[in-house]
Structures are given as structure tokens and as C-alpha cells.
Amino acid sequence: MHRTARPFLTLALFLALPLAAYAQHGEHHPDQDSKIENALSAAPAGLAEHAAVMDWDQSVLKEGTNGYTCLPTPPDLPGNAPMCLDAQWMKWAEAWMNRTEPEFTAVGIAYMLRGDAGASNTDPYATDRAGVADWIEAGPHLMVVVPDPAMLDNLPTDYESGTPWVMWQGTPYVHIMIPLGHGQTREH
């Protein structure tokens, strides 16, 4: 099935907002509960319980207390790809959107327990699988960023092994992908 995947573009455009914007509340919409449920499905139950939920229109659907922000599947993305990001990943997303180098003060963790809709393993700005030899769709996974990207230089980049690998090596947006389950990452 052909998918036009822009999860990181959509995410970055949305997440560039300062954290202060999270204090604003949007109007209640009939599908608000389903969006909250979808967003929170990206993380383990104990984490999701205390996470904030923000919709793609920048409205806060649920306040949080643990420093994580969960987002429902982007409305223009086929499939199911909600995500939960900590503060370090929020820095990553803002830097990606602005094409600047992220500056991390700690290890950052992001959850995508429902998987994603696909991306290039080497090009952080590829938005279409056409002509991309290393386009992959990851099943349930965690993502990790570290304060010193050089720490990842000697780690594997093989996404077909079923073990953790480094995505976007050699770019400012390098991170570790940790698949949760055998055979969950696949090339398309």
C-alpha cells in the first residue's frame, strides 16, 4: 500500500511551539475523547496516565504532570502513528523544524508504541518513499536521543536486524530506534 508519510514534518511543524502554549485550552470537540485515547496509546499506561495531550490544532486536550506530551495520529497521515515525547525530544523536534542543531541536556525518550507510517533511515527530510532505497516503517518502538551524538558513531544502522539501530547517522537528528518485538521494522 502506497503511503505518503510526513510524520516528522507534521510533528516538527506542530512541536515548534514553545511549551508555554500548552497552557492554552481549545474548545471541546465531539471526537476529543478518541483523540486523547489515540494519543495516549503511544506510551505505557503508567506514563500515559500523567502525560499532557495536545492536538494538531495546538489545543490542549489534557493537562499533564510528568513532562511528556502525547499527540494523536496526524490527521493527514494514513494509518496509526501517535507519539509521546519528553522535553528533550521536544527540543529535537524544534531543531529539526528549524534545521538547526538540537542541544540536549540529558538523554531523551520518545514512545511510538503503535508504530509509525515510515521514513528514510538516512535522510531526515525525505517525505515520500518514492526513490528512497532505505524507506522503512517501524512497528512499536522507543526512540532515544543523547547529549553527545558522537556516542552513537559506532552503533549499528541496520534496521533489518530486529535489534536497536541508529537512524539518521551523520545528521544533527541522529537517534537510536529500539524496536519492541521481533520483525516489527520492515522496508517498503
N, C-alpha and C. Protein backbone atom coordinates (compact mmCIF):
# COMPACT_ATOMS: atom_id res chain seq x y z
N MET A 1 0.85 -1.17 0.00
CA MET A 1 0.00 0.00 0.00
C MET A 1 0.89 1.23 0.00
N HIS A 2 0.66 2.13 -0.94
CA HIS A 2 1.46 3.35 -1.01
C HIS A 2 0.98 4.34 0.05
N ARG A 3 1.92 4.88 0.77
CA ARG A 3 1.59 5.87 1.81
C ARG A 3 2.45 7.09 1.60
N THR A 4 1.83 8.24 1.64
CA THR A 4 2.60 9.47 1.68
C THR A 4 2.82 9.77 3.14
N ALA A 5 4.07 9.66 3.57
CA ALA A 5 4.34 9.79 5.00
C ALA A 5 5.09 11.08 5.29
N ARG A 6 4.47 11.89 6.11
CA ARG A 6 5.10 13.13 6.53
C ARG A 6 5.05 13.24 8.04
N PRO A 7 5.29 12.13 8.78
CA PRO A 7 5.12 12.22 10.22
C PRO A 7 6.08 13.19 10.87
N PHE A 8 7.32 13.22 10.46
CA PHE A 8 8.28 14.10 11.12
C PHE A 8 8.06 15.54 10.70
N LEU A 9 7.67 15.79 9.44
CA LEU A 9 7.39 17.15 9.01
C LEU A 9 6.20 17.70 9.78
N THR A 10 5.13 16.93 9.83
CA THR A 10 3.94 17.37 10.55
C THR A 10 4.25 17.56 12.02
N LEU A 11 4.97 16.60 12.60
CA LEU A 11 5.34 16.69 14.01
C LEU A 11 6.17 17.94 14.27
N ALA A 12 7.17 18.17 13.45
CA ALA A 12 8.06 19.30 13.70
C ALA A 12 7.34 20.63 13.55
N LEU A 13 6.47 20.74 12.56
CA LEU A 13 5.73 21.99 12.41
C LEU A 13 4.88 22.27 13.63
N PHE A 14 4.32 21.22 14.17
CA PHE A 14 3.47 21.36 15.34
C PHE A 14 4.25 21.59 16.62
N LEU A 15 5.35 20.87 16.79
CA LEU A 15 6.06 20.90 18.06
C LEU A 15 6.99 22.08 18.24
N ALA A 16 7.11 22.92 17.25
CA ALA A 16 7.99 24.07 17.39
C ALA A 16 7.41 25.11 18.33
N LEU A 17 6.19 24.95 18.70
CA LEU A 17 5.57 25.88 19.63
C LEU A 17 6.25 25.80 20.97
N PRO A 18 6.41 26.90 21.65
CA PRO A 18 7.00 26.84 22.98
C PRO A 18 6.09 26.08 23.94
N LEU A 19 6.69 25.51 24.95
CA LEU A 19 5.92 24.73 25.92
C LEU A 19 4.85 25.56 26.60
N ALA A 20 5.04 26.86 26.66
CA ALA A 20 4.05 27.72 27.29
C ALA A 20 2.70 27.65 26.57
N ALA A 21 2.72 27.32 25.31
CA ALA A 21 1.46 27.23 24.56
C ALA A 21 0.59 26.10 25.07
N TYR A 22 1.17 25.15 25.78
CA TYR A 22 0.41 24.02 26.28
C TYR A 22 -0.62 24.45 27.31
N ALA A 23 -0.46 25.61 27.90
CA ALA A 23 -1.40 26.06 28.93
C ALA A 23 -2.72 26.53 28.33
N GLN A 24 -2.75 26.75 27.02
CA GLN A 24 -3.98 27.21 26.39
C GLN A 24 -4.91 26.03 26.18
N HIS A 25 -6.18 26.25 26.35
CA HIS A 25 -7.17 25.19 26.15
C HIS A 25 -7.99 25.47 24.90
N GLY A 26 -8.21 24.41 24.10
CA GLY A 26 -9.08 24.54 22.95
C GLY A 26 -10.50 24.19 23.33
N GLU A 27 -11.42 24.42 22.41
CA GLU A 27 -12.80 24.06 22.65
C GLU A 27 -12.95 22.54 22.64
N HIS A 28 -13.96 22.06 23.34
CA HIS A 28 -14.22 20.62 23.34
C HIS A 28 -14.87 20.24 22.01
N HIS A 29 -14.34 19.20 21.38
CA HIS A 29 -14.89 18.69 20.12
C HIS A 29 -15.43 17.29 20.37
N PRO A 30 -16.43 16.88 19.60
CA PRO A 30 -17.03 15.57 19.81
C PRO A 30 -16.02 14.42 19.77
N ASP A 31 -14.98 14.54 18.99
CA ASP A 31 -14.02 13.44 18.89
C ASP A 31 -12.81 13.65 19.81
N GLN A 32 -12.91 14.56 20.75
CA GLN A 32 -11.79 14.85 21.65
C GLN A 32 -11.39 13.59 22.43
N ASP A 33 -12.35 12.85 22.94
CA ASP A 33 -12.03 11.66 23.72
C ASP A 33 -11.28 10.62 22.88
N SER A 34 -11.69 10.46 21.61
CA SER A 34 -10.99 9.49 20.76
C SER A 34 -9.57 9.96 20.43
N LYS A 35 -9.37 11.26 20.29
CA LYS A 35 -8.02 11.79 20.05
C LYS A 35 -7.14 11.57 21.28
N ILE A 36 -7.70 11.81 22.46
CA ILE A 36 -6.94 11.59 23.69
C ILE A 36 -6.57 10.11 23.81
N GLU A 37 -7.53 9.25 23.58
CA GLU A 37 -7.28 7.80 23.66
C GLU A 37 -6.19 7.39 22.68
N ASN A 38 -6.27 7.88 21.44
CA ASN A 38 -5.27 7.55 20.43
C ASN A 38 -3.90 8.06 20.84
N ALA A 39 -3.81 9.31 21.28
CA ALA A 39 -2.52 9.89 21.67
C ALA A 39 -1.89 9.11 22.81
N LEU A 40 -2.67 8.79 23.81
CA LEU A 40 -2.14 8.10 24.98
C LEU A 40 -1.75 6.65 24.69
N SER A 41 -2.27 6.09 23.60
CA SER A 41 -1.91 4.71 23.24
C SER A 41 -0.46 4.60 22.77
N ALA A 42 0.21 5.72 22.58
CA ALA A 42 1.61 5.70 22.14
C ALA A 42 2.57 5.35 23.26
N ALA A 43 2.13 5.43 24.51
CA ALA A 43 3.03 5.24 25.65
C ALA A 43 2.49 4.18 26.61
N PRO A 44 3.36 3.67 27.48
CA PRO A 44 2.89 2.73 28.51
C PRO A 44 1.82 3.40 29.39
N ALA A 45 0.90 2.61 29.90
CA ALA A 45 -0.24 3.14 30.66
C ALA A 45 0.17 4.04 31.82
N GLY A 46 1.16 3.65 32.59
CA GLY A 46 1.58 4.46 33.74
C GLY A 46 2.11 5.82 33.33
N LEU A 47 2.82 5.89 32.23
CA LEU A 47 3.32 7.17 31.72
C LEU A 47 2.18 7.97 31.10
N ALA A 48 1.35 7.31 30.31
CA ALA A 48 0.25 7.99 29.62
C ALA A 48 -0.72 8.63 30.60
N GLU A 49 -0.92 8.00 31.74
CA GLU A 49 -1.87 8.50 32.72
C GLU A 49 -1.58 9.95 33.15
N HIS A 50 -0.31 10.31 33.20
CA HIS A 50 0.08 11.63 33.69
C HIS A 50 0.64 12.53 32.59
N ALA A 51 0.54 12.11 31.32
CA ALA A 51 1.05 12.89 30.19
C ALA A 51 0.03 13.92 29.73
N ALA A 52 0.53 15.02 29.20
CA ALA A 52 -0.33 16.01 28.54
C ALA A 52 -0.70 15.46 27.17
N VAL A 53 -1.81 15.90 26.64
CA VAL A 53 -2.20 15.55 25.28
C VAL A 53 -2.48 16.85 24.55
N MET A 54 -1.87 16.98 23.40
CA MET A 54 -2.07 18.17 22.57
C MET A 54 -2.51 17.71 21.18
N ASP A 55 -3.48 18.41 20.62
CA ASP A 55 -3.97 18.10 19.29
C ASP A 55 -3.14 18.87 18.26
N TRP A 56 -3.31 18.51 17.00
CA TRP A 56 -2.54 19.14 15.93
C TRP A 56 -2.96 20.58 15.67
N ASP A 57 -4.11 21.01 16.20
CA ASP A 57 -4.51 22.41 16.07
C ASP A 57 -3.97 23.25 17.23
N GLN A 58 -3.06 22.67 18.01
CA GLN A 58 -2.38 23.32 19.13
C GLN A 58 -3.22 23.44 20.38
N SER A 59 -4.38 22.83 20.40
CA SER A 59 -5.20 22.88 21.61
C SER A 59 -4.78 21.77 22.57
N VAL A 60 -4.80 22.10 23.85
CA VAL A 60 -4.50 21.12 24.88
C VAL A 60 -5.78 20.33 25.14
N LEU A 61 -5.69 19.03 24.98
CA LEU A 61 -6.84 18.17 25.21
C LEU A 61 -6.84 17.60 26.62
N LYS A 62 -5.64 17.54 27.21
CA LYS A 62 -5.50 17.00 28.56
C LYS A 62 -4.23 17.58 29.17
N GLU A 63 -4.34 18.09 30.36
CA GLU A 63 -3.17 18.58 31.08
C GLU A 63 -2.34 17.40 31.56
N GLY A 64 -1.04 17.60 31.75
CA GLY A 64 -0.17 16.55 32.23
C GLY A 64 0.74 17.04 33.33
N THR A 65 1.35 16.09 34.02
CA THR A 65 2.22 16.45 35.14
C THR A 65 3.59 15.78 35.08
N ASN A 66 3.87 14.95 34.07
CA ASN A 66 5.12 14.19 34.07
C ASN A 66 6.14 14.65 33.03
N GLY A 67 5.88 15.72 32.31
CA GLY A 67 6.84 16.21 31.33
C GLY A 67 6.72 15.58 29.95
N TYR A 68 5.80 14.66 29.76
CA TYR A 68 5.58 14.06 28.44
C TYR A 68 4.38 14.72 27.78
N THR A 69 4.47 14.86 26.47
CA THR A 69 3.36 15.35 25.67
C THR A 69 3.05 14.30 24.62
N CYS A 70 1.80 13.84 24.59
CA CYS A 70 1.36 12.85 23.61
C CYS A 70 0.52 13.53 22.55
N LEU A 71 0.68 13.06 21.33
CA LEU A 71 -0.05 13.61 20.19
C LEU A 71 -0.77 12.49 19.46
N PRO A 72 -2.01 12.73 19.02
CA PRO A 72 -2.71 11.69 18.25
C PRO A 72 -2.09 11.56 16.87
N THR A 73 -2.48 10.53 16.16
CA THR A 73 -2.03 10.37 14.78
C THR A 73 -2.34 11.65 14.00
N PRO A 74 -1.38 12.18 13.25
CA PRO A 74 -1.66 13.39 12.46
C PRO A 74 -2.85 13.16 11.53
N PRO A 75 -3.72 14.15 11.40
CA PRO A 75 -4.95 13.97 10.61
C PRO A 75 -4.71 13.67 9.14
N ASP A 76 -3.59 14.10 8.56
CA ASP A 76 -3.34 13.87 7.14
C ASP A 76 -2.47 12.64 6.91
N LEU A 77 -2.24 11.85 7.95
CA LEU A 77 -1.38 10.68 7.84
C LEU A 77 -2.23 9.41 7.88
N PRO A 78 -2.11 8.58 6.85
CA PRO A 78 -2.85 7.32 6.90
C PRO A 78 -2.25 6.41 7.96
N GLY A 79 -3.05 5.55 8.50
CA GLY A 79 -2.55 4.62 9.50
C GLY A 79 -2.71 5.14 10.91
N ASN A 80 -1.88 4.62 11.79
CA ASN A 80 -1.99 4.91 13.21
C ASN A 80 -0.59 5.20 13.73
N ALA A 81 -0.27 6.45 14.05
CA ALA A 81 1.08 6.82 14.46
C ALA A 81 1.09 7.88 15.56
N PRO A 82 0.43 7.61 16.69
CA PRO A 82 0.52 8.57 17.79
C PRO A 82 1.91 8.51 18.42
N MET A 83 2.28 9.55 19.17
CA MET A 83 3.60 9.60 19.79
C MET A 83 3.56 10.34 21.11
N CYS A 84 4.50 10.00 22.01
CA CYS A 84 4.66 10.70 23.28
C CYS A 84 6.12 11.11 23.40
N LEU A 85 6.36 12.39 23.65
CA LEU A 85 7.71 12.95 23.66
C LEU A 85 8.03 13.60 24.99
N ASP A 86 9.25 13.42 25.45
CA ASP A 86 9.70 14.14 26.64
C ASP A 86 10.28 15.50 26.23
N ALA A 87 10.77 16.26 27.19
CA ALA A 87 11.26 17.62 26.92
C ALA A 87 12.45 17.62 25.97
N GLN A 88 13.34 16.62 26.06
CA GLN A 88 14.49 16.58 25.16
C GLN A 88 14.04 16.33 23.72
N TRP A 89 13.05 15.48 23.54
CA TRP A 89 12.52 15.24 22.20
C TRP A 89 11.77 16.46 21.67
N MET A 90 11.18 17.22 22.54
CA MET A 90 10.56 18.47 22.08
C MET A 90 11.63 19.40 21.53
N LYS A 91 12.80 19.45 22.18
CA LYS A 91 13.93 20.25 21.67
C LYS A 91 14.37 19.72 20.31
N TRP A 92 14.41 18.40 20.19
CA TRP A 92 14.80 17.78 18.93
C TRP A 92 13.85 18.20 17.81
N ALA A 93 12.56 18.13 18.07
CA ALA A 93 11.56 18.46 17.05
C ALA A 93 11.66 19.92 16.63
N GLU A 94 11.86 20.82 17.58
CA GLU A 94 12.00 22.23 17.24
C GLU A 94 13.24 22.46 16.39
N ALA A 95 14.35 21.83 16.75
CA ALA A 95 15.58 21.98 15.97
C ALA A 95 15.40 21.41 14.57
N TRP A 96 14.75 20.26 14.46
CA TRP A 96 14.53 19.66 13.15
C TRP A 96 13.72 20.60 12.26
N MET A 97 12.68 21.17 12.81
CA MET A 97 11.85 22.06 12.02
C MET A 97 12.62 23.28 11.54
N ASN A 98 13.48 23.79 12.39
CA ASN A 98 14.23 25.00 12.06
C ASN A 98 15.57 24.70 11.39
N ARG A 99 15.84 23.42 11.16
CA ARG A 99 17.10 22.98 10.55
C ARG A 99 18.31 23.51 11.31
N THR A 100 18.21 23.41 12.62
CA THR A 100 19.32 23.79 13.49
C THR A 100 19.76 22.56 14.27
N GLU A 101 20.87 22.67 14.96
CA GLU A 101 21.35 21.54 15.76
C GLU A 101 20.67 21.54 17.12
N PRO A 102 20.07 20.43 17.50
CA PRO A 102 19.45 20.37 18.83
C PRO A 102 20.54 20.35 19.90
N GLU A 103 20.21 20.91 21.04
CA GLU A 103 21.12 20.89 22.18
C GLU A 103 20.40 20.20 23.33
N PHE A 104 20.89 19.02 23.67
CA PHE A 104 20.28 18.23 24.71
C PHE A 104 21.07 18.37 26.00
N THR A 105 20.36 18.38 27.10
CA THR A 105 21.00 18.43 28.41
C THR A 105 20.91 17.09 29.12
N ALA A 106 20.21 16.15 28.51
CA ALA A 106 20.04 14.82 29.10
C ALA A 106 19.61 13.85 28.01
N VAL A 107 19.54 12.60 28.35
CA VAL A 107 19.01 11.58 27.45
C VAL A 107 17.52 11.86 27.29
N GLY A 108 17.01 11.72 26.08
CA GLY A 108 15.58 11.93 25.82
C GLY A 108 14.94 10.65 25.32
N ILE A 109 13.69 10.45 25.72
CA ILE A 109 12.94 9.25 25.35
C ILE A 109 11.63 9.65 24.68
N ALA A 110 11.32 8.98 23.58
CA ALA A 110 10.04 9.16 22.91
C ALA A 110 9.44 7.77 22.69
N TYR A 111 8.13 7.70 22.78
CA TYR A 111 7.40 6.44 22.62
C TYR A 111 6.52 6.50 21.39
N MET A 112 6.57 5.43 20.60
CA MET A 112 5.64 5.22 19.49
C MET A 112 5.22 3.74 19.55
N LEU A 113 4.43 3.41 20.54
CA LEU A 113 4.05 2.02 20.76
C LEU A 113 3.06 1.49 19.73
N ARG A 114 2.53 2.36 18.89
CA ARG A 114 1.64 1.94 17.80
C ARG A 114 2.36 1.89 16.46
N GLY A 115 3.68 2.19 16.46
CA GLY A 115 4.44 2.20 15.22
C GLY A 115 4.38 3.55 14.54
N ASP A 116 4.85 3.57 13.28
CA ASP A 116 4.84 4.81 12.51
C ASP A 116 4.47 4.54 11.07
N ALA A 117 4.41 5.59 10.27
CA ALA A 117 3.98 5.46 8.88
C ALA A 117 5.16 5.44 7.91
N GLY A 118 6.38 5.56 8.41
CA GLY A 118 7.54 5.40 7.55
C GLY A 118 8.39 6.64 7.40
N ALA A 119 9.67 6.39 7.11
CA ALA A 119 10.67 7.44 6.90
C ALA A 119 11.89 6.83 6.26
N SER A 120 12.76 7.67 5.72
CA SER A 120 14.07 7.23 5.26
C SER A 120 14.94 6.99 6.47
N ASN A 121 15.79 5.98 6.43
CA ASN A 121 16.68 5.70 7.55
C ASN A 121 17.89 6.64 7.54
N THR A 122 18.13 7.35 6.44
CA THR A 122 19.31 8.21 6.34
C THR A 122 19.02 9.68 6.09
N ASP A 123 17.85 10.00 5.55
CA ASP A 123 17.52 11.38 5.19
C ASP A 123 16.38 11.89 6.08
N PRO A 124 16.69 12.78 7.04
CA PRO A 124 15.65 13.25 7.95
C PRO A 124 14.58 14.13 7.29
N TYR A 125 14.79 14.52 6.04
CA TYR A 125 13.80 15.38 5.39
C TYR A 125 13.08 14.71 4.23
N ALA A 126 13.29 13.42 4.02
CA ALA A 126 12.56 12.70 2.98
C ALA A 126 11.10 12.59 3.42
N THR A 127 10.19 12.95 2.54
CA THR A 127 8.76 12.91 2.88
C THR A 127 7.97 11.93 2.03
N ASP A 128 8.62 11.29 1.06
CA ASP A 128 7.93 10.37 0.18
C ASP A 128 8.83 9.17 -0.07
N ARG A 129 8.30 8.00 0.00
CA ARG A 129 9.10 6.80 -0.19
C ARG A 129 9.58 6.60 -1.61
N ALA A 130 8.99 7.29 -2.57
CA ALA A 130 9.39 7.14 -3.96
C ALA A 130 10.87 7.51 -4.12
N GLY A 131 11.62 6.59 -4.68
CA GLY A 131 13.04 6.83 -4.92
C GLY A 131 13.93 6.74 -3.70
N VAL A 132 13.39 6.32 -2.55
CA VAL A 132 14.18 6.19 -1.34
C VAL A 132 14.45 4.71 -1.09
N ALA A 133 15.72 4.33 -1.18
CA ALA A 133 16.09 2.92 -1.06
C ALA A 133 15.97 2.39 0.37
N ASP A 134 16.04 3.27 1.35
CA ASP A 134 16.02 2.81 2.75
C ASP A 134 14.78 3.28 3.50
N TRP A 135 13.66 3.33 2.80
CA TRP A 135 12.40 3.71 3.44
C TRP A 135 11.92 2.56 4.33
N ILE A 136 11.59 2.87 5.56
CA ILE A 136 11.16 1.84 6.49
C ILE A 136 9.92 2.30 7.24
N GLU A 137 9.12 1.34 7.64
CA GLU A 137 8.01 1.58 8.55
C GLU A 137 8.31 0.79 9.80
N ALA A 138 8.39 1.46 10.91
CA ALA A 138 8.73 0.78 12.15
C ALA A 138 7.46 0.41 12.91
N GLY A 139 7.45 -0.77 13.46
CA GLY A 139 6.38 -1.18 14.35
C GLY A 139 6.56 -0.48 15.69
N PRO A 140 6.00 -0.98 16.74
CA PRO A 140 6.14 -0.35 18.06
C PRO A 140 7.61 -0.16 18.40
N HIS A 141 7.95 1.06 18.87
CA HIS A 141 9.34 1.34 19.18
C HIS A 141 9.48 2.50 20.15
N LEU A 142 10.68 2.58 20.71
CA LEU A 142 11.12 3.73 21.50
C LEU A 142 12.17 4.44 20.68
N MET A 143 12.37 5.72 20.96
CA MET A 143 13.44 6.48 20.33
C MET A 143 14.22 7.18 21.43
N VAL A 144 15.54 7.24 21.26
CA VAL A 144 16.41 7.82 22.28
C VAL A 144 17.35 8.82 21.63
N VAL A 145 17.47 10.00 22.23
CA VAL A 145 18.49 10.98 21.85
C VAL A 145 19.45 11.10 23.04
N VAL A 146 20.70 11.46 22.72
CA VAL A 146 21.73 11.59 23.75
C VAL A 146 22.39 12.96 23.62
N PRO A 147 22.94 13.49 24.73
CA PRO A 147 23.55 14.81 24.69
C PRO A 147 24.73 14.92 23.73
N ASP A 148 25.50 13.84 23.55
CA ASP A 148 26.65 13.85 22.65
C ASP A 148 26.42 12.86 21.52
N PRO A 149 26.05 13.35 20.32
CA PRO A 149 25.77 12.44 19.21
C PRO A 149 26.94 11.54 18.83
N ALA A 150 28.17 11.94 19.16
CA ALA A 150 29.34 11.11 18.85
C ALA A 150 29.26 9.76 19.58
N MET A 151 28.49 9.71 20.65
CA MET A 151 28.31 8.45 21.37
C MET A 151 27.67 7.38 20.49
N LEU A 152 27.01 7.79 19.43
CA LEU A 152 26.29 6.86 18.56
C LEU A 152 27.08 6.47 17.32
N ASP A 153 28.28 7.02 17.14
CA ASP A 153 29.05 6.81 15.92
C ASP A 153 29.34 5.36 15.60
N ASN A 154 29.56 4.52 16.58
CA ASN A 154 29.94 3.13 16.33
C ASN A 154 28.80 2.14 16.52
N LEU A 155 27.61 2.63 16.67
CA LEU A 155 26.45 1.74 16.83
C LEU A 155 25.91 1.35 15.46
N PRO A 156 25.24 0.21 15.35
CA PRO A 156 24.74 -0.27 14.05
C PRO A 156 23.64 0.61 13.48
N THR A 157 23.56 0.62 12.16
CA THR A 157 22.50 1.35 11.46
C THR A 157 21.57 0.37 10.71
N ASP A 158 21.75 -0.92 10.94
CA ASP A 158 20.98 -1.95 10.26
C ASP A 158 19.60 -2.10 10.89
N TYR A 159 18.61 -1.57 10.21
CA TYR A 159 17.23 -1.60 10.71
C TYR A 159 16.53 -2.93 10.45
N GLU A 160 17.17 -3.82 9.73
CA GLU A 160 16.55 -5.11 9.44
C GLU A 160 16.93 -6.20 10.44
N SER A 161 17.82 -5.89 11.37
CA SER A 161 18.33 -6.90 12.30
C SER A 161 17.35 -7.25 13.42
N GLY A 162 16.37 -6.39 13.67
CA GLY A 162 15.44 -6.62 14.77
C GLY A 162 15.98 -6.14 16.11
N THR A 163 17.19 -5.57 16.09
CA THR A 163 17.80 -5.04 17.30
C THR A 163 17.84 -3.51 17.19
N PRO A 164 18.15 -2.80 18.27
CA PRO A 164 18.26 -1.34 18.19
C PRO A 164 19.25 -0.91 17.10
N TRP A 165 18.96 0.19 16.47
CA TRP A 165 19.83 0.73 15.44
C TRP A 165 19.81 2.26 15.51
N VAL A 166 20.77 2.86 14.84
CA VAL A 166 20.86 4.31 14.78
C VAL A 166 20.23 4.79 13.48
N MET A 167 19.34 5.75 13.62
CA MET A 167 18.67 6.36 12.47
C MET A 167 19.24 7.76 12.26
N TRP A 168 19.39 8.14 11.02
CA TRP A 168 19.86 9.46 10.60
C TRP A 168 21.27 9.76 11.09
N GLN A 169 22.12 8.71 11.10
CA GLN A 169 23.52 8.88 11.49
C GLN A 169 24.19 9.92 10.60
N GLY A 170 25.05 10.72 11.20
CA GLY A 170 25.78 11.75 10.46
C GLY A 170 24.99 13.04 10.30
N THR A 171 23.79 13.09 10.88
CA THR A 171 23.00 14.32 10.83
C THR A 171 22.81 14.82 12.26
N PRO A 172 22.41 16.07 12.43
CA PRO A 172 22.14 16.56 13.79
C PRO A 172 20.96 15.86 14.46
N TYR A 173 20.18 15.10 13.71
CA TYR A 173 18.95 14.50 14.21
C TYR A 173 19.10 13.00 14.48
N VAL A 174 20.33 12.55 14.59
CA VAL A 174 20.64 11.15 14.86
C VAL A 174 19.98 10.72 16.17
N HIS A 175 19.45 9.50 16.16
CA HIS A 175 18.83 8.95 17.36
C HIS A 175 18.82 7.43 17.28
N ILE A 176 18.58 6.81 18.41
CA ILE A 176 18.51 5.35 18.48
C ILE A 176 17.04 4.94 18.36
N MET A 177 16.81 3.96 17.52
CA MET A 177 15.49 3.34 17.39
C MET A 177 15.56 1.99 18.10
N ILE A 178 14.61 1.74 18.99
CA ILE A 178 14.57 0.49 19.73
C ILE A 178 13.26 -0.22 19.42
N PRO A 179 13.31 -1.23 18.54
CA PRO A 179 12.07 -1.95 18.22
C PRO A 179 11.59 -2.76 19.42
N LEU A 180 10.30 -2.82 19.55
CA LEU A 180 9.69 -3.60 20.64
C LEU A 180 8.92 -4.76 20.02
N GLY A 181 9.60 -5.83 19.81
CA GLY A 181 9.01 -7.01 19.18
C GLY A 181 9.79 -7.41 17.97
N HIS A 182 9.96 -8.70 17.75
CA HIS A 182 10.73 -9.22 16.63
C HIS A 182 10.02 -8.96 15.31
N GLY A 183 10.78 -8.54 14.31
CA GLY A 183 10.25 -8.36 12.97
C GLY A 183 9.31 -7.18 12.83
N GLN A 184 9.35 -6.24 13.73
CA GLN A 184 8.42 -5.12 13.69
C GLN A 184 8.85 -4.01 12.73
N THR A 185 10.10 -4.00 12.32
CA THR A 185 10.55 -2.97 11.41
C THR A 185 10.71 -3.59 10.02
N ARG A 186 10.18 -2.93 9.04
CA ARG A 186 10.22 -3.51 7.71
C ARG A 186 10.48 -2.44 6.66
N GLU A 187 11.13 -2.86 5.61
CA GLU A 187 11.41 -1.97 4.48
C GLU A 187 10.26 -2.09 3.49
N HIS A 188 9.93 -0.97 2.88
CA HIS A 188 8.88 -0.98 1.85
C HIS A 188 9.37 -0.32 0.61
